[in-house]
Protein backbone atom coordinates (compact mmCIF):
# COMPACT_ATOMS: atom_id res chain seq x y z
CA MET A 1 0.17 -0.28 0.20
CA THR A 2 1.60 3.68 -1.11
CA ALA A 3 1.41 6.51 0.93
CA PRO A 4 -1.33 9.27 -0.19
CA THR A 5 0.38 11.43 -2.52
CA ILE A 6 0.43 15.42 -0.59
CA ASN A 7 0.25 18.71 -2.86
CA THR A 8 2.62 20.26 -2.16
CA ALA A 9 2.13 23.16 -4.59
CA HIS A 10 0.71 25.27 -1.52
CA HIS A 11 3.23 24.56 0.95
CA GLU A 12 6.65 26.31 1.85
CA PRO A 13 9.92 24.77 -0.20
CA TRP A 14 11.38 24.51 3.28
CA LEU A 15 8.31 22.83 4.80
CA VAL A 16 8.45 19.96 1.71
CA TRP A 17 12.30 19.64 2.31
CA VAL A 18 11.62 18.44 5.65
CA HIS A 19 8.56 16.54 5.25
CA ASP A 20 10.79 14.41 2.45
CA THR A 21 13.62 13.64 4.82
CA ALA A 22 14.62 10.34 6.01
CA TYR A 23 13.94 11.37 8.97
CA GLY A 24 10.46 12.64 8.26
CA GLN A 25 10.04 9.39 6.00
CA MET A 26 11.38 7.10 9.25
CA MET A 27 8.65 9.04 11.68
CA ARG A 28 5.82 8.50 9.31
CA ASP A 29 6.53 4.94 8.23
CA VAL A 30 7.91 3.25 11.64
CA THR A 31 4.79 2.54 13.28
CA TRP A 32 6.66 2.38 16.67
CA MET A 33 8.71 5.50 15.96
CA PHE A 34 6.36 8.42 16.99
CA PRO A 35 5.03 6.71 20.26
CA THR A 36 8.25 5.59 21.44
CA PHE A 37 9.25 9.36 20.37
CA GLN A 38 6.32 10.86 23.10
CA ALA A 39 7.82 8.88 25.92
CA VAL A 40 11.17 10.05 25.41
CA HIS A 41 10.14 13.79 24.92
CA LEU A 42 8.33 13.27 27.83
CA ILE A 43 11.50 11.95 29.78
CA GLY A 44 13.34 14.23 28.60
CA MET A 45 11.05 17.00 29.32
CA THR A 46 11.09 15.65 33.01
CA LEU A 47 14.57 15.96 33.25
CA LEU A 48 14.76 19.40 32.11
CA VAL A 49 12.08 20.97 33.73
CA GLY A 50 12.40 18.67 36.92
CA VAL A 51 16.44 20.39 37.33
CA ILE A 52 14.98 23.84 36.56
CA ALA A 53 12.11 23.72 38.84
CA VAL A 54 14.19 22.56 41.61
CA ILE A 55 16.50 25.52 41.18
CA ASP A 56 14.09 28.03 40.23
CA LEU A 57 11.86 27.04 43.55
CA ARG A 58 15.18 27.45 45.57
CA VAL A 59 15.96 30.65 44.28
CA LEU A 60 12.18 31.39 45.39
CA GLY A 61 12.93 30.68 48.95
CA PHE A 62 11.55 27.07 49.04
CA ALA A 63 14.01 24.55 50.59
CA LYS A 64 16.15 27.01 51.94
CA GLY A 65 18.16 24.53 53.68
CA LEU A 66 19.34 23.17 50.01
CA PRO A 67 23.03 24.92 48.67
CA LEU A 68 21.88 26.56 45.86
CA ALA A 69 25.52 26.10 44.13
CA ALA A 70 25.03 22.31 44.48
CA LEU A 71 21.84 22.23 42.99
CA HIS A 72 23.48 24.33 39.87
CA ARG A 73 25.49 20.83 39.20
CA LEU A 74 22.28 19.11 37.92
CA ILE A 75 22.37 21.85 35.31
CA PRO A 76 23.93 18.63 32.68
CA TRP A 77 20.88 17.01 33.42
CA ALA A 78 18.84 19.51 32.28
CA LEU A 79 20.71 20.23 29.34
CA PHE A 80 20.65 16.63 28.43
CA GLY A 81 16.82 16.60 28.68
CA PHE A 82 16.62 19.83 26.70
CA ALA A 83 18.76 17.70 23.90
CA ILE A 84 16.59 14.50 23.96
CA ASN A 85 13.41 17.11 23.74
CA VAL A 86 14.68 19.28 20.74
CA LEU A 87 16.32 15.46 19.29
CA THR A 88 12.44 14.15 19.60
CA GLY A 89 10.74 17.28 19.02
CA CYS A 90 12.52 17.57 15.61
CA GLY A 91 10.92 14.44 14.59
CA PHE A 92 7.45 15.08 15.27
CA PHE A 93 7.85 17.75 13.08
CA ALA A 94 9.24 16.29 10.32
CA ALA A 95 7.13 13.60 10.55
CA GLU A 96 4.04 16.47 10.11
CA PRO A 97 5.69 19.51 9.52
CA TYR A 98 2.44 20.80 7.05
CA SER A 99 0.51 20.17 10.10
CA PHE A 100 2.68 21.57 12.74
CA ALA A 101 3.17 24.57 10.66
CA ALA A 102 -0.35 25.13 10.72
CA VAL A 103 -1.06 25.11 14.30
CA PRO A 104 -1.28 28.18 16.17
CA ALA A 105 0.04 26.44 19.71
CA PHE A 106 3.33 25.05 17.71
CA ARG A 107 4.21 28.38 16.70
CA PHE A 108 3.27 29.83 20.54
CA LYS A 109 5.41 26.93 21.92
CA MET A 110 8.33 27.53 20.14
CA LEU A 111 7.83 31.38 20.93
CA LEU A 112 7.52 30.38 25.19
CA LEU A 113 10.82 28.53 24.24
CA ALA A 114 12.89 31.21 22.56
CA LEU A 115 12.09 33.27 25.94
CA ALA A 116 12.61 30.70 27.92
CA GLY A 117 16.22 30.13 26.61
CA LEU A 118 16.42 34.38 26.59
CA ASN A 119 15.21 34.34 30.35
CA ALA A 120 17.92 30.95 31.02
CA LEU A 121 20.28 33.36 29.46
CA TRP A 122 19.89 36.30 31.72
CA PHE A 123 20.04 34.10 34.21
CA TRP A 124 23.16 32.97 33.35
CA ILE A 125 24.78 36.23 33.43
CA SER A 126 23.75 38.14 35.67
CA VAL A 127 22.24 35.86 38.96
CA TYR A 128 24.36 32.42 37.92
CA PRO A 129 28.22 34.17 38.92
CA HIS A 130 26.50 34.98 42.35
CA VAL A 131 25.44 31.41 43.44
CA GLU A 132 28.45 29.97 45.34
CA GLU A 133 27.61 33.62 47.55
CA TRP A 134 24.22 32.01 48.58
CA GLY A 135 24.34 29.52 51.12
CA PRO A 136 21.71 27.08 52.73
CA GLY A 137 19.46 29.42 54.40
CA ASP A 138 19.89 32.54 52.76
CA SER A 139 17.61 34.61 50.81
CA THR A 140 18.31 35.17 46.81
CA PRO A 141 17.76 39.04 45.19
CA VAL A 142 15.14 40.37 43.58
CA LEU A 143 16.31 40.05 40.21
CA ALA A 144 17.16 36.12 40.58
CA LYS A 145 13.54 35.55 42.51
CA SER A 146 12.20 37.60 39.12
CA LEU A 147 13.88 35.31 36.65
CA SER A 148 13.30 32.32 38.53
CA LEU A 149 9.58 32.93 38.36
CA ILE A 150 9.78 33.96 34.88
CA SER A 151 11.37 30.38 34.42
CA LEU A 152 8.44 28.71 36.11
CA CYS A 153 6.03 30.46 34.22
CA LEU A 154 7.21 29.76 31.14
CA TRP A 155 8.54 26.40 31.41
CA VAL A 156 4.55 25.38 32.55
CA SER A 157 3.37 27.71 29.64
CA VAL A 158 5.85 25.43 27.24
CA ILE A 159 4.51 22.17 28.41
CA PHE A 160 0.65 23.58 28.56
CA ALA A 161 1.18 24.67 24.67
CA GLY A 162 2.50 21.43 23.57
CA ARG A 163 -0.03 19.41 24.71
CA PHE A 164 -2.56 21.81 23.10
CA ILE A 165 -0.59 21.51 20.03
CA ALA A 166 -2.40 17.75 19.50
CA PHE A 167 -5.34 19.83 19.81
CA GLY A 168 -4.57 22.67 17.53
CA GLY A 169 -7.64 22.18 14.45
CA THR A 170 -5.78 20.85 11.76
CA GLY A 171 -7.44 17.21 12.54
CA THR A 172 -4.04 15.27 11.34
CA LEU A 173 -1.87 15.50 14.98
């Protein structure tokens, strides 16, 4: 049985290219690939958001007994989770680029990810150099707390937007 032919005349050339890659073809043709990627994406999200949430909550004043510098040693796990999610997320997109590109929740999620990245960069530049100064029991400055609160809000919003992608109205995801 052959797959239906997709009329690419009305699609952006880069979407056609993504659709036609071996990665996209594999994601569509190997029946266990998409659900496996979904499970692995959840694991990556758990690593990423779990580590970030623990650090952000500590900066906000929860679990003050934990030294902030020690928690920052968990960042490689968050980065590993992010890498997993980039790989699996690209797989999802390659499987159905036309559908994903048409869903507002997907575009909103990409915007939120960019904002979360900029927020993390701001934290890294302005707050991270001082984490060694804040031991167990110490409060953190307002800027650190503000960036951590923004971080938590952005990552929760990324998760919500990601869930809304599947219900975005194209009927193909």
